[in-house]
Amino acid sequence: MVVVVKDDNIQIERLELGLFGTNAYIVICRLTGDSVVIDAPADASTIIERLKGTNPKYILLTHNHMDHLGALSELQSKLKVPVAAHASDVKNLPTPP
């Protein structure tokens, strides 16, 4: 995990996950503790561990390539948050947005 940005308001963390080292990001509001996951390449347990102490609100998908979706079903099942994706990327998703 690498902290990309951190100030009084926001923290953005980058995780390189899965066989391809695909980036996932966690964006945290430091004022409210709300968080968003961007992409779910693999290792749902690693992502969930990084979310501890935050209030996850969404999983956002940049696109529907398989290296960005490996942990999507497990994350949505465990976090019970909505998934958001562009309309042109919703087909072939393992879970509906």
Protein backbone atom coordinates (compact mmCIF):
# COMPACT_ATOMS: atom_id res chain seq x y z
CA MET A 1 0.00 0.00 0.00
CA VAL A 2 1.24 3.44 -0.95
CA VAL A 3 -0.31 6.66 0.29
CA VAL A 4 -0.67 8.80 -2.83
CA VAL A 5 -2.28 11.84 -1.18
CA LYS A 6 -2.86 12.72 2.43
CA ASP A 7 -3.97 16.00 3.93
CA ASP A 8 -6.51 17.15 6.51
CA ASN A 9 -9.44 16.30 4.22
CA ILE A 10 -8.57 13.28 2.11
CA GLN A 11 -6.34 10.24 1.94
CA ILE A 12 -5.84 8.20 -1.22
CA GLU A 13 -4.11 4.83 -1.00
CA ARG A 14 -2.92 2.68 -3.91
CA LEU A 15 -2.71 -1.09 -3.65
CA GLU A 16 -1.11 -3.29 -6.32
CA LEU A 17 -3.05 -6.56 -6.30
CA GLY A 18 -3.36 -9.81 -8.17
CA LEU A 19 -1.15 -11.54 -10.73
CA PHE A 20 -0.93 -8.43 -12.88
CA GLY A 21 -0.21 -5.99 -10.04
CA THR A 22 -3.37 -4.09 -10.95
CA ASN A 23 -4.02 -0.90 -9.04
CA ALA A 24 -6.91 -0.52 -6.65
CA TYR A 25 -7.46 2.73 -4.81
CA ILE A 26 -9.08 3.53 -1.51
CA VAL A 27 -10.25 7.12 -1.09
CA ILE A 28 -11.00 8.15 2.48
CA CYS A 29 -12.63 11.35 3.71
CA ARG A 30 -10.56 12.19 6.77
CA LEU A 31 -13.39 14.35 8.15
CA THR A 32 -16.17 11.74 8.05
CA GLY A 33 -14.32 8.45 7.71
CA ASP A 34 -16.36 7.59 4.61
CA SER A 35 -14.46 5.59 2.00
CA VAL A 36 -14.73 4.45 -1.60
CA VAL A 37 -12.97 1.55 -3.32
CA ILE A 38 -11.91 2.10 -6.92
CA ASP A 39 -11.51 -1.19 -8.79
CA ALA A 40 -11.42 -4.64 -7.22
CA PRO A 41 -8.64 -6.59 -8.96
CA ALA A 42 -7.97 -9.33 -6.38
CA ASP A 43 -7.29 -10.03 -2.71
CA ALA A 44 -10.60 -8.91 -1.22
CA SER A 45 -9.25 -9.57 2.28
CA THR A 46 -6.40 -7.08 1.72
CA ILE A 47 -8.84 -4.41 0.55
CA ILE A 48 -11.18 -5.08 3.47
CA GLU A 49 -8.28 -4.88 5.93
CA ARG A 50 -7.32 -1.44 4.53
CA LEU A 51 -10.93 -0.28 4.96
CA LYS A 52 -10.97 -0.99 8.71
CA GLY A 53 -11.80 2.14 10.64
CA THR A 54 -13.62 3.65 7.65
CA ASN A 55 -17.23 3.64 6.49
CA PRO A 56 -17.27 2.14 2.97
CA LYS A 57 -19.90 3.74 0.72
CA TYR A 58 -19.26 2.49 -2.83
CA ILE A 59 -17.18 0.31 -5.10
CA LEU A 60 -16.42 2.24 -8.28
CA LEU A 61 -15.23 0.46 -11.41
CA THR A 62 -13.12 2.16 -14.04
CA HIS A 63 -13.89 -0.55 -16.63
CA ASN A 64 -14.89 -4.21 -16.83
CA HIS A 65 -11.60 -5.93 -17.69
CA MET A 66 -11.06 -9.14 -15.75
CA ASP A 67 -7.96 -7.81 -14.00
CA HIS A 68 -10.13 -5.12 -12.35
CA LEU A 69 -12.97 -7.41 -11.21
CA GLY A 70 -11.42 -10.44 -9.49
CA ALA A 71 -12.54 -9.46 -5.99
CA LEU A 72 -15.74 -7.64 -6.92
CA SER A 73 -18.28 -10.28 -5.94
CA GLU A 74 -16.61 -10.99 -2.61
CA LEU A 75 -16.18 -7.30 -1.79
CA GLN A 76 -19.77 -6.47 -2.56
CA SER A 77 -20.99 -9.46 -0.58
CA LYS A 78 -18.95 -8.56 2.49
CA LEU A 79 -19.21 -4.76 2.35
CA LYS A 80 -22.84 -4.64 1.19
CA VAL A 81 -22.31 -1.38 -0.69
CA PRO A 82 -23.46 -0.34 -4.17
CA VAL A 83 -21.29 -0.86 -7.22
CA ALA A 84 -21.05 1.95 -9.78
CA ALA A 85 -19.80 1.59 -13.34
CA HIS A 86 -20.23 3.36 -16.65
CA ALA A 87 -23.26 2.13 -18.58
CA SER A 88 -21.10 0.75 -21.39
CA ASP A 89 -19.23 -1.45 -18.90
CA VAL A 90 -22.15 -3.04 -17.04
CA LYS A 91 -22.50 -6.12 -19.23
CA ASN A 92 -20.31 -9.01 -18.18
CA LEU A 93 -19.97 -7.77 -14.60
CA PRO A 94 -20.23 -10.56 -12.04
CA THR A 95 -22.56 -8.43 -9.92
CA PRO A 96 -25.07 -5.81 -11.08
CA PRO A 97 -24.23 -2.13 -10.56
